[in-house]
Amino acid sequence: MTESMEQFDSYWHKVSDEVATLSDGPVKLEEIPLHTNEVSTTYSAKFFGTGSYPLFAYLTVPRGGKGPFPALLQVPGYGSVVGVPAYERRARYVILNLCHRGQRLSDTLYSAAYPGLLTEGLPDASTYRWKEIAADCLRGLDVLVNHPEADESRLAVAGNDLAAITAALRPNIDYMLVNTLLFRGISDRIADLAGYPSQEFSDYVRYYPDHADQVADTVAMFDPIAFAKNIEAESLVTCIEGQRSLVEPLSNALVGKTELRINTGRGYLDHGYEDNWLAERTSA
């Protein structure tokens, strides 16, 4: 094992171990009548992440039928607001929709900036904000699987790079759905990125040119391809045609059975394909 691989494994083992110490921490659930409907009951879930940070998540539980139900962690996207899970998914899964630290409803101690969050804490990996955000996702997964209506034998994670990080560090995840990647291949072109949010990295190294190499090393720690060797979940990876050259190596590197799908650009059809893929695999 090379020194860089040892550093990578040590870094993430420490994150995982720190979250594991919180597994018996208190979780406060309160029903949200406004978001409860005929297919699911919606709760606010409040619990602590690493550093005693107070976190919020939406937790939905199907109504009717007999549980336990398939469990789905939806990792947060890149934006300030996280909404209630989609109606169709709420009818099928116990879902935890996490607001990571800094996002609204998890911002009592700190409010994230958009743009700006992608570079917060750089250049050092030990202070990079996304280490804590990844830890929040692991903590959210632990809260989800501890719910009595969640079937841990049918456990899935969906979302961006954070889904891949979570699946690598929590091998009990059976299915992974990955889209809208933020970190894939970024470290190799850190100075030449165009279009936000990824251009935040190029803006940063233009302002701090002496940090460019260290930033690239730190960002590489979050590239999902670095976690591929540890992801045994059956996976669906989706992207647009223009991202194929970046995403295809990831799908090829994943250990578990993997499908790469190039999206059509028709949102309804693309979301429908993802939902059908997940439903077929989590059905009892």
Protein backbone atom coordinates (compact mmCIF):
# COMPACT_ATOMS: atom_id res chain seq x y z
CA MET A 1 0.00 0.00 0.00
CA THR A 2 1.38 3.39 -0.93
CA GLU A 3 1.75 6.20 1.57
CA SER A 4 -1.08 8.17 -0.07
CA MET A 5 -3.42 5.18 0.21
CA GLU A 6 -2.49 4.74 3.85
CA GLN A 7 -3.22 8.42 4.50
CA PHE A 8 -6.55 8.13 2.68
CA ASP A 9 -7.63 5.08 4.66
CA SER A 10 -6.47 6.58 7.97
CA TYR A 11 -8.33 9.83 7.29
CA TRP A 12 -11.65 8.13 6.57
CA HIS A 13 -11.34 5.48 9.26
CA LYS A 14 -11.01 8.28 11.81
CA VAL A 15 -14.16 9.94 10.46
CA SER A 16 -16.10 6.68 10.54
CA ASP A 17 -14.89 5.79 14.03
CA GLU A 18 -15.80 9.22 15.39
CA VAL A 19 -19.34 8.89 14.06
CA ALA A 20 -19.63 5.36 15.46
CA THR A 21 -19.20 6.71 18.99
CA LEU A 22 -22.50 8.59 18.54
CA SER A 23 -24.58 5.51 17.68
CA ASP A 24 -26.42 5.53 21.02
CA GLY A 25 -26.98 9.28 21.00
CA PRO A 26 -30.50 10.65 21.50
CA VAL A 27 -32.82 11.20 18.54
CA LYS A 28 -35.89 13.39 18.97
CA LEU A 29 -38.78 12.71 16.58
CA GLU A 30 -41.82 14.97 16.25
CA GLU A 31 -44.57 14.54 13.69
CA ILE A 32 -45.00 17.37 11.17
CA PRO A 33 -48.77 17.34 10.45
CA LEU A 34 -48.38 19.74 7.52
CA HIS A 35 -46.28 17.20 5.63
CA THR A 36 -48.09 14.04 6.76
CA ASN A 37 -50.46 12.67 4.12
CA GLU A 38 -52.32 9.54 3.06
CA VAL A 39 -49.13 7.65 2.10
CA SER A 40 -46.69 8.58 4.86
CA THR A 41 -46.15 10.15 8.24
CA THR A 42 -43.47 12.83 8.27
CA TYR A 43 -41.34 13.60 11.29
CA SER A 44 -38.65 16.08 12.17
CA ALA A 45 -35.60 14.20 13.39
CA LYS A 46 -33.16 16.06 15.60
CA PHE A 47 -29.86 14.54 16.71
CA PHE A 48 -26.21 15.42 17.17
CA GLY A 49 -23.37 14.96 14.73
CA THR A 50 -19.65 15.05 15.37
CA GLY A 51 -18.45 17.92 17.50
CA SER A 52 -21.86 17.93 19.24
CA TYR A 53 -23.31 19.70 16.21
CA PRO A 54 -27.17 19.75 16.17
CA LEU A 55 -28.57 18.25 12.96
CA PHE A 56 -32.04 18.13 11.42
CA ALA A 57 -33.54 15.64 8.99
CA TYR A 58 -36.94 14.82 7.57
CA LEU A 59 -37.92 11.24 8.39
CA THR A 60 -40.89 9.73 6.58
CA VAL A 61 -42.55 6.37 7.31
CA PRO A 62 -45.09 4.73 4.97
CA ARG A 63 -48.68 4.50 6.18
CA GLY A 64 -50.60 1.31 5.59
CA GLY A 65 -49.07 -2.00 4.72
CA LYS A 66 -46.89 -4.00 7.03
CA GLY A 67 -43.40 -2.98 7.96
CA PRO A 68 -40.54 -2.98 8.27
CA PHE A 69 -40.07 -1.14 4.98
CA PRO A 70 -37.03 -0.64 2.72
CA ALA A 71 -34.83 2.13 4.09
CA LEU A 72 -33.43 4.99 2.00
CA LEU A 73 -30.93 7.66 2.97
CA GLN A 74 -31.10 10.68 0.66
CA VAL A 75 -27.86 12.59 1.05
CA PRO A 76 -28.17 16.36 0.64
CA GLY A 77 -27.49 18.11 -2.63
CA TYR A 78 -25.43 21.25 -3.08
CA GLY A 79 -27.79 24.00 -1.97
CA SER A 80 -29.05 25.72 1.12
CA VAL A 81 -32.48 24.08 1.38
CA VAL A 82 -33.50 20.42 1.69
CA GLY A 83 -37.13 19.53 1.10
CA VAL A 84 -39.47 16.76 2.15
CA PRO A 85 -38.90 13.52 0.16
CA ALA A 86 -40.86 12.97 -3.04
CA TYR A 87 -44.41 11.68 -2.70
CA GLU A 88 -43.81 8.47 -4.65
CA ARG A 89 -40.81 7.46 -2.56
CA ARG A 90 -42.54 8.23 0.73
CA ALA A 91 -45.14 5.57 -0.01
CA ARG A 92 -42.49 2.85 -0.37
CA TYR A 93 -39.53 3.60 1.89
CA VAL A 94 -38.62 4.77 5.33
CA ILE A 95 -36.63 7.81 4.20
CA LEU A 96 -34.21 10.03 6.02
CA ASN A 97 -33.66 13.27 4.11
CA LEU A 98 -30.70 14.89 5.83
CA CYS A 99 -29.88 18.57 6.18
CA HIS A 100 -26.12 18.61 6.74
CA ARG A 101 -24.52 21.21 8.97
CA GLY A 102 -24.85 24.68 7.51
CA GLN A 103 -27.94 23.93 5.45
CA ARG A 104 -31.17 25.50 6.56
CA LEU A 105 -32.74 23.75 9.57
CA SER A 106 -29.25 22.53 10.50
CA ASP A 107 -27.87 26.05 10.73
CA THR A 108 -28.32 27.04 14.36
CA LEU A 109 -24.54 27.20 14.90
CA TYR A 110 -23.26 27.78 11.38
CA SER A 111 -24.77 28.91 8.08
CA ALA A 112 -23.15 27.68 4.86
CA ALA A 113 -22.50 30.07 1.98
CA TYR A 114 -23.50 29.31 -1.62
CA PRO A 115 -21.25 29.76 -3.52
CA GLY A 116 -18.36 29.20 -1.15
CA LEU A 117 -19.07 25.95 0.66
CA LEU A 118 -17.01 23.83 -1.75
CA THR A 119 -13.83 25.63 -0.69
CA GLU A 120 -14.52 26.25 2.97
CA GLY A 121 -11.67 25.02 5.14
CA LEU A 122 -9.21 24.51 2.29
CA PRO A 123 -6.40 23.84 1.66
CA ASP A 124 -5.88 21.31 4.49
CA ALA A 125 -7.89 18.07 4.47
CA SER A 126 -8.12 18.14 8.28
CA THR A 127 -10.03 21.43 8.26
CA TYR A 128 -11.99 20.99 5.03
CA ARG A 129 -15.68 21.45 5.80
CA TRP A 130 -16.74 18.49 3.68
CA LYS A 131 -15.13 16.07 6.10
CA GLU A 132 -17.74 17.11 8.66
CA ILE A 133 -20.48 17.01 6.03
CA ALA A 134 -19.56 13.43 5.13
CA ALA A 135 -19.65 12.57 8.84
CA ASP A 136 -23.16 14.04 9.01
CA CYS A 137 -24.26 11.60 6.30
CA LEU A 138 -22.86 8.64 8.21
CA ARG A 139 -24.65 9.83 11.34
CA GLY A 140 -27.89 10.18 9.36
CA LEU A 141 -27.58 6.62 8.10
CA ASP A 142 -27.14 5.33 11.64
CA VAL A 143 -30.27 7.20 12.74
CA LEU A 144 -32.20 5.71 9.81
CA VAL A 145 -31.26 2.08 10.42
CA ASN A 146 -32.09 2.38 14.11
CA HIS A 147 -35.70 3.25 13.33
CA PRO A 148 -37.92 0.23 14.09
CA GLU A 149 -39.78 0.47 10.75
CA ALA A 150 -36.58 0.49 8.69
CA ASP A 151 -35.53 -2.84 7.17
CA GLU A 152 -31.73 -2.86 7.31
CA SER A 153 -31.65 -5.83 4.93
CA ARG A 154 -33.02 -3.54 2.20
CA LEU A 155 -30.91 -0.45 2.70
CA ALA A 156 -30.19 2.11 0.00
CA VAL A 157 -28.48 5.47 -0.38
CA ALA A 158 -29.12 8.04 -3.10
CA GLY A 159 -27.54 11.31 -4.17
CA ASN A 160 -24.19 12.80 -5.08
CA ASP A 161 -20.59 11.99 -4.08
CA LEU A 162 -21.71 11.81 -0.44
CA ALA A 163 -23.74 8.72 -1.33
CA ALA A 164 -20.58 7.00 -2.58
CA ILE A 165 -18.59 8.02 0.49
CA THR A 166 -21.36 6.72 2.75
CA ALA A 167 -21.64 3.42 0.87
CA ALA A 168 -17.88 2.89 1.10
CA LEU A 169 -17.75 3.54 4.83
CA ARG A 170 -20.96 1.68 5.66
CA PRO A 171 -20.83 -1.71 3.90
CA ASN A 172 -24.32 -2.64 5.17
CA ILE A 173 -25.72 -0.54 2.30
CA ASP A 174 -27.19 -2.86 -0.35
CA TYR A 175 -28.03 -0.40 -3.15
CA MET A 176 -26.55 2.89 -4.27
CA LEU A 177 -27.94 5.44 -6.70
CA VAL A 178 -25.43 8.14 -7.66
CA ASN A 179 -25.92 11.29 -9.74
CA THR A 180 -24.88 14.97 -9.92
CA LEU A 181 -21.27 14.42 -8.88
CA LEU A 182 -19.29 17.34 -7.44
CA PHE A 183 -15.77 15.95 -6.94
CA ARG A 184 -15.27 13.44 -9.76
CA GLY A 185 -12.00 14.22 -11.58
CA ILE A 186 -11.78 17.70 -10.11
CA SER A 187 -8.27 17.35 -8.65
CA ASP A 188 -6.73 16.76 -12.09
CA ARG A 189 -8.06 20.03 -13.53
CA ILE A 190 -8.30 22.20 -10.45
CA ALA A 191 -7.15 25.41 -12.19
CA ASP A 192 -9.27 25.09 -15.33
CA LEU A 193 -12.84 24.53 -14.19
CA ALA A 194 -15.67 26.46 -15.78
CA GLY A 195 -19.21 26.76 -14.49
CA TYR A 196 -20.40 26.76 -10.92
CA PRO A 197 -20.30 25.14 -8.48
CA SER A 198 -17.04 23.44 -9.56
CA GLN A 199 -15.53 26.75 -10.62
CA GLU A 200 -15.34 27.64 -6.94
CA PHE A 201 -12.17 25.54 -6.83
CA SER A 202 -10.54 27.39 -9.72
CA ASP A 203 -11.50 30.72 -8.20
CA TYR A 204 -9.85 29.65 -4.96
CA VAL A 205 -6.53 28.58 -6.50
CA ARG A 206 -6.38 31.73 -8.62
CA TYR A 207 -6.63 33.72 -5.41
CA TYR A 208 -4.26 31.41 -3.50
CA PRO A 209 -1.93 30.00 -6.20
CA ASP A 210 0.54 28.65 -3.64
CA HIS A 211 -2.21 26.35 -2.33
CA ALA A 212 -3.03 24.72 -5.66
CA ASP A 213 -1.21 21.43 -5.10
CA GLN A 214 -2.52 21.00 -1.56
CA VAL A 215 -6.06 21.80 -2.67
CA ALA A 216 -5.81 19.18 -5.41
CA ASP A 217 -4.62 16.59 -2.87
CA THR A 218 -7.45 17.43 -0.48
CA VAL A 219 -10.15 17.35 -3.15
CA ALA A 220 -8.86 13.99 -4.38
CA MET A 221 -9.74 12.59 -0.95
CA PHE A 222 -13.41 13.18 -1.81
CA ASP A 223 -13.43 11.91 -5.38
CA PRO A 224 -15.84 8.94 -5.42
CA ILE A 225 -13.44 6.90 -7.56
CA ALA A 226 -11.09 6.77 -4.57
CA PHE A 227 -13.81 4.91 -2.64
CA ALA A 228 -14.80 2.54 -5.46
CA LYS A 229 -12.74 -0.39 -4.20
CA ASN A 230 -14.79 -0.42 -0.98
CA ILE A 231 -18.27 -0.08 -2.49
CA GLU A 232 -19.89 -3.48 -2.78
CA ALA A 233 -23.47 -2.22 -3.11
CA GLU A 234 -25.30 -2.83 -6.36
CA SER A 235 -25.22 0.56 -8.04
CA LEU A 236 -26.86 2.75 -10.65
CA VAL A 237 -24.68 5.66 -11.77
CA THR A 238 -26.25 8.30 -13.99
CA CYS A 239 -24.91 11.35 -15.80
CA ILE A 240 -25.36 13.47 -18.90
CA GLU A 241 -23.50 12.58 -22.10
CA GLY A 242 -20.97 15.37 -21.59
CA GLN A 243 -19.85 13.81 -18.30
CA ARG A 244 -19.45 10.26 -19.58
CA SER A 245 -15.65 10.43 -19.81
CA LEU A 246 -15.46 11.34 -16.11
CA VAL A 247 -18.19 9.10 -14.78
CA GLU A 248 -17.56 5.93 -16.79
CA PRO A 249 -14.24 5.20 -15.03
CA LEU A 250 -16.11 5.38 -11.73
CA SER A 251 -18.77 2.91 -12.82
CA ASN A 252 -16.04 0.57 -14.10
CA ALA A 253 -14.13 0.78 -10.82
CA LEU A 254 -17.01 -0.04 -8.48
CA VAL A 255 -16.71 -3.50 -6.97
CA GLY A 256 -20.41 -4.29 -6.85
CA LYS A 257 -22.68 -4.90 -9.84
CA THR A 258 -23.04 -1.54 -11.58
CA GLU A 259 -25.10 0.04 -14.34
CA LEU A 260 -24.10 3.30 -16.01
CA ARG A 261 -27.00 5.21 -17.53
CA ILE A 262 -26.69 8.31 -19.70
CA ASN A 263 -29.65 10.53 -18.95
CA THR A 264 -32.03 11.61 -21.68
CA GLY A 265 -32.39 15.15 -20.39
CA ARG A 266 -36.09 14.57 -19.84
CA GLY A 267 -36.39 14.91 -16.09
CA TYR A 268 -39.55 12.88 -15.65
CA LEU A 269 -38.19 9.92 -17.62
CA ASP A 270 -34.78 10.03 -15.95
CA HIS A 271 -36.21 10.21 -12.43
CA GLY A 272 -38.68 7.49 -13.30
CA TYR A 273 -35.90 5.17 -14.44
CA GLU A 274 -34.00 5.72 -11.19
CA ASP A 275 -37.09 5.13 -9.06
CA ASN A 276 -38.02 1.98 -10.95
CA TRP A 277 -34.47 0.63 -10.67
CA LEU A 278 -34.49 1.16 -6.91
CA ALA A 279 -38.02 -0.17 -6.41
CA GLU A 280 -37.27 -3.41 -8.29
CA ARG A 281 -34.30 -4.13 -6.03
CA THR A 282 -35.86 -3.25 -2.70
CA SER A 283 -39.18 -5.05 -3.20
CA ALA A 284 -39.79 -7.77 -0.63
